[in-house]
Amino acid sequence: MRSIAIEDIKDGQIIAKNVYDKEGRLLLKEGTVVKKLYVKRLEDMGLPFVYVKDELLEKEIEKEDLVSDSVKVNFVRVMMDMHGRIKSGKDIDSKEIHNIINKVLEDVTSSKNLIVSGVDFYSDKIKLFVHSLNVAVLSILIGKYLGYNDFQIKDLALGAMLHDIGKIEDEGEGHTEKGFEILKKIPEIKAQVAHIAFQHHENYEGTGYPRKISGDEIQEYSKIVAIANYYDNLSFMNLEKERMYPYQALEKIMSLTRTMFDPKLVDIFTKHVAPFPVGSFVRLSNLRYAVVLRLSDGLPSRPEVMEIADRYGARLSQFKRVNLMEERTLFINEILPENKRELMDLV
């Protein structure tokens, strides 16, 4: 499976992951053969890319979503309903919020390989809700590796889910205070959870907002969500032309250690988010071209890859599987765009 820009899709390619419309309804099912009519509908939705099956290596690539499609759709539905209730002044169904975050937790904690490999892309109408899910999943993983118990993980996940709720009333910096005010009024939401909305833009060195607090003045839950939020903003929420590849976003976060982010948490985060997601087309330090097949737990920068072309871009007569955990002198130089692979006739 690999991601491919909508404008690069060709008739006959096969959809590798379900595609949903802006209301969360299934638009194209996994296994659907692409036709021109479908491409037009995807363009109208504003999707930058979809996932298609990798004709060369589909049987070799290991891909496991941390959250199932059904949970993703229900999560977006709950968030849309919550936003609608807040806007219209109605009471919030906190039971539904707790139920959906429990489903997310079940999916993430039952996964065999707790590494984030990439994000899904949706239309602008539900983008904020998908962002909330991405931040929740990333935060859960950090909490798991910190050794949090089930109650702590649940509180962290809830706060991550609701960290941007204040944007209903204020799209600017004021969303942190607005979010805190909204969550304080819900009896079932703990103060610690509400403070995540309040503090997730505070910086480790004290230059953030709204209160410019620093270091241990910021609760750890908020520091975790700050990293997850920043990463997802870089790799998902930015305009398409400004989006970063995962490895670029991780490098940016590492460069902000001790200024924006707690170094202990950055260390954990970078060990469990894949800089080169499964299916990525990459170039190795030996100048050969390869595709990422499988991630390595604890060191996702050293995945297993399949070399498919020599240094000149000519397809190898026999592909070579290489485990970068074992080949310590070999590493990934860069991740390459899909159109590069197509130009080299490696599809």
Protein backbone atom coordinates (compact mmCIF):
# COMPACT_ATOMS: atom_id res chain seq x y z
CA MET A 1 0.00 0.00 0.00
CA ARG A 2 1.16 3.52 -0.76
CA SER A 3 -0.29 7.00 -0.84
CA ILE A 4 -0.82 8.64 -4.21
CA ALA A 5 -1.88 12.16 -5.16
CA ILE A 6 -5.38 12.39 -6.64
CA GLU A 7 -4.04 13.90 -9.86
CA ASP A 8 -1.68 10.93 -10.29
CA ILE A 9 -4.31 8.19 -9.91
CA LYS A 10 -4.77 6.00 -12.96
CA ASP A 11 -7.67 3.84 -14.11
CA GLY A 12 -7.30 0.30 -12.87
CA GLN A 13 -5.45 1.05 -9.64
CA ILE A 14 -6.98 -0.54 -6.56
CA ILE A 15 -8.05 1.38 -3.45
CA ALA A 16 -6.13 0.01 -0.44
CA LYS A 17 -8.01 1.80 2.39
CA ASN A 18 -11.65 2.77 2.66
CA VAL A 19 -12.35 6.36 1.59
CA TYR A 20 -15.04 8.31 3.45
CA ASP A 21 -16.91 11.44 2.46
CA LYS A 22 -17.17 14.61 4.56
CA GLU A 23 -20.02 13.12 6.59
CA GLY A 24 -18.04 10.00 7.44
CA ARG A 25 -19.97 7.81 4.98
CA LEU A 26 -18.13 5.16 2.99
CA LEU A 27 -17.39 6.51 -0.48
CA LEU A 28 -14.94 3.98 -1.92
CA LYS A 29 -14.41 0.59 -0.32
CA GLU A 30 -11.02 -1.09 -0.02
CA GLY A 31 -10.52 -3.22 -3.12
CA THR A 32 -12.43 -0.87 -5.45
CA VAL A 33 -10.90 -0.58 -8.92
CA VAL A 34 -10.40 3.11 -9.78
CA LYS A 35 -12.39 4.66 -12.64
CA LYS A 36 -12.31 8.23 -13.99
CA LEU A 37 -15.68 8.98 -12.40
CA TYR A 38 -14.30 8.14 -8.95
CA VAL A 39 -11.28 10.41 -9.44
CA LYS A 40 -13.58 13.36 -10.20
CA ARG A 41 -15.55 12.73 -6.99
CA LEU A 42 -12.33 12.55 -4.95
CA GLU A 43 -11.12 15.82 -6.46
CA ASP A 44 -14.45 17.47 -5.61
CA MET A 45 -14.02 16.34 -1.99
CA GLY A 46 -10.67 18.09 -1.80
CA LEU A 47 -8.67 15.02 -0.82
CA PRO A 48 -4.94 15.48 -1.57
CA PHE A 49 -4.34 11.73 -1.87
CA VAL A 50 -5.67 8.24 -1.21
CA TYR A 51 -4.05 4.89 -0.53
CA VAL A 52 -3.73 2.40 -3.38
CA LYS A 53 -2.37 -1.13 -3.47
CA ASP A 54 1.32 -1.44 -4.28
CA GLU A 55 1.42 -3.63 -7.37
CA LEU A 56 5.05 -4.63 -6.83
CA LEU A 57 5.09 -5.34 -3.11
CA GLU A 58 1.52 -5.58 -1.78
CA LYS A 59 2.05 -9.03 -0.27
CA GLU A 60 5.29 -7.94 1.40
CA ILE A 61 4.13 -4.74 3.10
CA GLU A 62 2.95 -4.99 6.69
CA LYS A 63 0.37 -2.37 7.57
CA GLU A 64 -1.73 -2.21 10.71
CA ASP A 65 -3.95 0.72 11.57
CA LEU A 66 -3.91 1.65 15.24
CA VAL A 67 -7.59 2.66 15.03
CA SER A 68 -10.20 0.81 12.95
CA ASP A 69 -12.18 2.60 10.25
CA SER A 70 -15.46 2.09 12.12
CA VAL A 71 -14.05 3.75 15.26
CA LYS A 72 -12.65 6.63 13.18
CA VAL A 73 -16.06 7.27 11.63
CA ASN A 74 -17.83 7.13 14.99
CA PHE A 75 -15.23 9.40 16.57
CA VAL A 76 -15.86 12.05 13.91
CA ARG A 77 -19.63 11.64 14.35
CA VAL A 78 -19.37 12.17 18.13
CA MET A 79 -17.13 15.23 17.69
CA MET A 80 -19.49 16.76 15.10
CA ASP A 81 -22.45 16.20 17.43
CA MET A 82 -20.57 17.70 20.38
CA HIS A 83 -19.63 20.81 18.41
CA GLY A 84 -23.22 21.19 17.24
CA ARG A 85 -24.56 20.93 20.79
CA ILE A 86 -22.11 23.50 22.13
CA LYS A 87 -22.93 25.96 19.34
CA SER A 88 -26.66 25.62 19.97
CA GLY A 89 -26.32 25.82 23.75
CA LYS A 90 -27.49 22.25 24.38
CA ASP A 91 -26.15 19.88 27.03
CA ILE A 92 -23.22 17.68 25.99
CA ASP A 93 -23.66 13.90 25.98
CA SER A 94 -20.61 13.06 28.10
CA LYS A 95 -21.50 9.35 28.08
CA GLU A 96 -21.00 9.25 24.32
CA ILE A 97 -17.65 11.04 24.66
CA HIS A 98 -16.43 8.49 27.21
CA ASN A 99 -17.72 5.58 25.10
CA ILE A 100 -15.87 6.65 21.95
CA ILE A 101 -12.59 7.36 23.74
CA ASN A 102 -12.86 3.88 25.30
CA LYS A 103 -13.16 2.43 21.78
CA VAL A 104 -10.06 4.34 20.67
CA LEU A 105 -8.17 3.06 23.72
CA GLU A 106 -9.26 -0.53 23.01
CA ASP A 107 -7.99 -0.33 19.44
CA VAL A 108 -4.66 1.32 20.27
CA THR A 109 -3.80 -0.87 23.27
CA SER A 110 -4.70 -4.10 21.44
CA SER A 111 -2.35 -3.30 18.56
CA LYS A 112 0.68 -5.57 18.26
CA ASN A 113 2.99 -2.78 17.16
CA LEU A 114 2.52 0.55 18.93
CA ILE A 115 4.13 2.77 16.32
CA VAL A 116 2.42 5.58 14.46
CA SER A 117 3.09 5.15 10.76
CA GLY A 118 1.10 7.96 9.21
CA VAL A 119 -2.18 9.83 9.15
CA ASP A 120 -5.34 9.68 7.07
CA PHE A 121 -6.50 12.65 5.03
CA TYR A 122 -10.08 13.89 4.93
CA SER A 123 -11.97 16.91 3.62
CA ASP A 124 -11.70 20.27 5.34
CA LYS A 125 -15.17 19.99 6.90
CA ILE A 126 -14.08 17.26 9.32
CA LYS A 127 -10.36 18.00 9.39
CA LEU A 128 -10.41 19.41 12.93
CA PHE A 129 -12.14 16.27 14.21
CA VAL A 130 -9.61 13.95 12.54
CA HIS A 131 -6.86 16.13 14.01
CA SER A 132 -8.38 15.53 17.47
CA LEU A 133 -8.26 11.77 16.86
CA ASN A 134 -4.66 11.89 15.63
CA VAL A 135 -3.58 13.90 18.67
CA ALA A 136 -5.41 11.50 20.99
CA VAL A 137 -3.70 8.45 19.45
CA LEU A 138 -0.26 10.05 19.59
CA SER A 139 -0.80 11.11 23.20
CA ILE A 140 -1.99 7.63 24.20
CA LEU A 141 1.22 6.14 22.85
CA ILE A 142 3.41 8.52 24.82
CA GLY A 143 1.39 7.79 27.95
CA LYS A 144 1.76 4.04 27.42
CA TYR A 145 5.52 4.29 27.13
CA LEU A 146 5.63 6.50 30.23
CA GLY A 147 4.00 3.68 32.15
CA TYR A 148 0.71 5.45 32.85
CA ASN A 149 -2.04 3.31 34.38
CA ASP A 150 -5.45 2.86 32.71
CA PHE A 151 -7.03 5.80 34.56
CA GLN A 152 -4.20 8.16 33.62
CA ILE A 153 -4.30 7.03 29.98
CA LYS A 154 -8.06 7.63 29.87
CA ASP A 155 -7.72 11.17 31.27
CA LEU A 156 -4.88 11.96 28.87
CA ALA A 157 -6.85 10.62 25.90
CA LEU A 158 -9.94 12.64 26.82
CA GLY A 159 -7.93 15.83 27.17
CA ALA A 160 -6.22 15.20 23.83
CA MET A 161 -9.56 14.53 22.18
CA LEU A 162 -10.97 17.82 23.50
CA HIS A 163 -7.84 20.00 23.39
CA ASP A 164 -9.15 22.21 20.56
CA ILE A 165 -12.79 22.40 21.68
CA GLY A 166 -12.37 26.13 22.31
CA LYS A 167 -12.04 26.73 18.56
CA ILE A 168 -15.83 26.57 18.43
CA GLU A 169 -15.79 30.09 19.91
CA ASP A 170 -12.29 31.41 19.08
CA GLU A 171 -10.01 30.29 16.23
CA GLY A 172 -7.07 32.29 17.59
CA GLU A 173 -4.97 32.10 20.74
CA GLY A 174 -8.08 32.58 22.84
CA HIS A 175 -9.20 29.03 22.04
CA THR A 176 -7.18 27.70 24.98
CA GLU A 177 -9.10 29.76 27.54
CA LYS A 178 -12.42 29.21 25.77
CA GLY A 179 -11.81 25.46 25.75
CA PHE A 180 -11.02 25.47 29.46
CA GLU A 181 -14.24 27.39 30.19
CA ILE A 182 -16.33 24.96 28.11
CA LEU A 183 -14.86 21.85 29.74
CA LYS A 184 -15.13 23.24 33.29
CA LYS A 185 -18.91 23.31 32.87
CA ILE A 186 -19.12 19.56 32.17
CA PRO A 187 -19.35 17.78 35.55
CA GLU A 188 -17.90 14.51 34.20
CA ILE A 189 -14.71 16.20 32.96
CA LYS A 190 -11.92 16.41 35.55
CA ALA A 191 -10.02 19.65 36.13
CA GLN A 192 -6.80 17.92 35.00
CA VAL A 193 -8.45 17.08 31.67
CA ALA A 194 -9.79 20.62 31.21
CA HIS A 195 -6.29 22.01 31.87
CA ILE A 196 -5.00 20.20 28.78
CA ALA A 197 -7.15 22.52 26.64
CA PHE A 198 -5.85 25.45 28.71
CA GLN A 199 -2.12 24.61 28.63
CA HIS A 200 -1.35 22.78 25.37
CA HIS A 201 0.21 25.92 23.84
CA GLU A 202 2.45 26.70 26.82
CA ASN A 203 6.14 26.28 25.97
CA TYR A 204 8.73 24.48 28.07
CA GLU A 205 10.89 27.62 28.32
CA GLY A 206 7.94 29.88 29.20
CA THR A 207 7.22 31.65 25.89
CA GLY A 208 3.82 30.11 25.13
CA TYR A 209 0.26 31.15 25.94
CA PRO A 210 -2.03 31.96 27.65
CA ARG A 211 -0.03 32.33 30.90
CA LYS A 212 3.63 31.94 29.77
CA ILE A 213 4.30 29.28 32.43
CA SER A 214 7.31 26.98 32.05
CA GLY A 215 8.89 23.64 33.02
CA ASP A 216 7.14 21.83 35.85
CA GLU A 217 4.49 24.56 36.08
CA ILE A 218 2.95 22.90 33.02
CA GLN A 219 1.23 19.60 33.85
CA GLU A 220 2.72 16.58 32.08
CA TYR A 221 -0.54 15.72 30.26
CA SER A 222 -0.45 19.14 28.62
CA LYS A 223 3.22 18.76 27.63
CA ILE A 224 2.39 15.45 25.92
CA VAL A 225 -0.55 16.89 24.00
CA ALA A 226 1.59 19.89 23.01
CA ILE A 227 4.02 17.60 21.17
CA ALA A 228 1.29 15.49 19.57
CA ASN A 229 -0.63 18.60 18.51
CA TYR A 230 2.45 20.25 16.97
CA TYR A 231 3.42 17.10 15.07
CA ASP A 232 -0.05 16.65 13.61
CA ASN A 233 -0.26 20.31 12.68
CA LEU A 234 2.96 19.98 10.67
CA SER A 235 2.14 16.70 8.96
CA PHE A 236 -1.66 16.94 8.58
CA MET A 237 -3.30 20.26 9.43
CA ASN A 238 -1.04 22.51 7.35
CA LEU A 239 -2.06 23.44 3.82
CA GLU A 240 -1.04 20.71 1.39
CA LYS A 241 1.95 22.67 0.00
CA GLU A 242 3.19 23.34 3.55
CA ARG A 243 2.80 19.82 4.92
CA MET A 244 5.93 18.05 6.07
CA TYR A 245 6.88 14.43 5.67
CA PRO A 246 6.95 12.63 9.03
CA TYR A 247 10.76 12.67 9.21
CA GLN A 248 10.78 16.44 8.60
CA ALA A 249 8.17 17.02 11.32
CA LEU A 250 10.15 14.90 13.76
CA GLU A 251 13.35 16.81 12.98
CA LYS A 252 11.50 20.07 13.61
CA ILE A 253 10.25 18.83 16.98
CA MET A 254 13.74 17.66 17.99
CA SER A 255 15.11 21.10 17.11
CA LEU A 256 12.63 22.63 19.57
CA THR A 257 13.62 20.44 22.51
CA ARG A 258 14.03 22.50 25.71
CA THR A 259 12.50 25.56 24.05
CA MET A 260 8.98 24.40 23.23
CA PHE A 261 9.05 20.80 24.43
CA ASP A 262 10.13 18.69 27.40
CA PRO A 263 13.26 16.70 26.36
CA LYS A 264 12.14 13.51 28.15
CA LEU A 265 8.86 13.47 26.23
CA VAL A 266 10.49 14.32 22.90
CA ASP A 267 12.82 11.34 23.34
CA ILE A 268 9.87 8.97 23.87
CA PHE A 269 7.86 10.50 21.03
CA THR A 270 10.61 10.25 18.43
CA LYS A 271 11.22 6.58 19.28
CA HIS A 272 7.64 5.60 18.54
CA VAL A 273 6.59 7.69 15.55
CA ALA A 274 7.83 6.41 12.22
CA PRO A 275 9.82 8.99 10.23
CA PHE A 276 9.41 6.81 7.14
CA PRO A 277 5.88 5.28 7.13
CA VAL A 278 5.17 1.83 5.73
CA GLY A 279 4.88 2.00 1.94
CA SER A 280 7.21 5.02 1.65
CA PHE A 281 9.47 5.18 -1.40
CA VAL A 282 12.98 5.98 -0.15
CA ARG A 283 16.60 6.25 -1.22
CA LEU A 284 19.23 4.51 0.88
CA SER A 285 22.77 5.58 1.72
CA ASN A 286 24.07 3.03 -0.82
CA LEU A 287 22.04 5.11 -3.35
CA ARG A 288 19.67 2.24 -4.12
CA TYR A 289 15.91 2.82 -4.16
CA ALA A 290 13.65 0.94 -1.78
CA VAL A 291 10.17 0.68 -0.25
CA VAL A 292 9.55 0.53 3.52
CA LEU A 293 7.98 -2.83 4.41
CA ARG A 294 7.85 -3.07 8.19
CA LEU A 295 8.63 -0.87 11.19
CA SER A 296 10.92 -1.76 14.08
CA ASP A 297 9.43 -1.27 17.55
CA GLY A 298 11.48 1.20 19.60
CA LEU A 299 13.57 2.32 16.63
CA PRO A 300 11.23 3.18 13.73
CA SER A 301 14.04 5.01 11.91
CA ARG A 302 15.55 1.56 11.22
CA PRO A 303 12.75 -0.27 9.33
CA GLU A 304 12.86 -3.30 7.09
CA VAL A 305 12.94 -2.27 3.43
CA MET A 306 12.88 -3.86 0.00
CA GLU A 307 15.48 -2.64 -2.49
CA ILE A 308 13.76 -2.43 -5.89
CA ALA A 309 16.13 -0.37 -8.06
CA ASP A 310 19.86 0.25 -8.39
CA ARG A 311 21.56 3.62 -7.93
CA TYR A 312 20.70 4.59 -11.50
CA GLY A 313 16.99 3.85 -11.06
CA ALA A 314 16.97 0.61 -13.05
CA ARG A 315 14.65 -2.04 -11.63
CA LEU A 316 16.53 -4.92 -9.97
CA SER A 317 16.03 -8.33 -11.53
CA GLN A 318 15.59 -9.67 -8.00
CA PHE A 319 14.36 -7.47 -5.17
CA LYS A 320 16.41 -7.54 -1.98
CA ARG A 321 14.90 -7.46 1.53
CA VAL A 322 17.11 -5.52 3.96
CA ASN A 323 16.61 -5.11 7.73
CA LEU A 324 18.19 -1.81 8.76
CA MET A 325 18.27 -2.99 12.38
CA GLU A 326 20.90 -5.52 11.24
CA GLU A 327 22.59 -3.52 8.47
CA ARG A 328 23.89 -0.80 10.80
CA THR A 329 26.03 0.97 8.20
CA LEU A 330 23.05 1.46 5.91
CA PHE A 331 20.39 4.13 6.48
CA ILE A 332 17.64 6.04 4.69
CA ASN A 333 18.85 9.22 2.99
CA GLU A 334 15.51 10.64 1.91
CA ILE A 335 11.86 9.93 1.27
CA LEU A 336 10.79 10.46 -2.34
CA PRO A 337 7.46 11.60 -3.80
CA GLU A 338 5.15 9.15 -5.56
CA ASN A 339 5.58 10.82 -8.96
CA LYS A 340 9.33 10.07 -8.77
CA ARG A 341 8.55 6.37 -8.49
CA GLU A 342 6.17 6.58 -11.43
CA LEU A 343 8.72 8.41 -13.59
CA MET A 344 11.19 5.62 -12.88
CA ASP A 345 8.58 3.01 -13.87
CA LEU A 346 8.77 1.34 -10.46
CA VAL A 347 5.04 0.88 -10.02
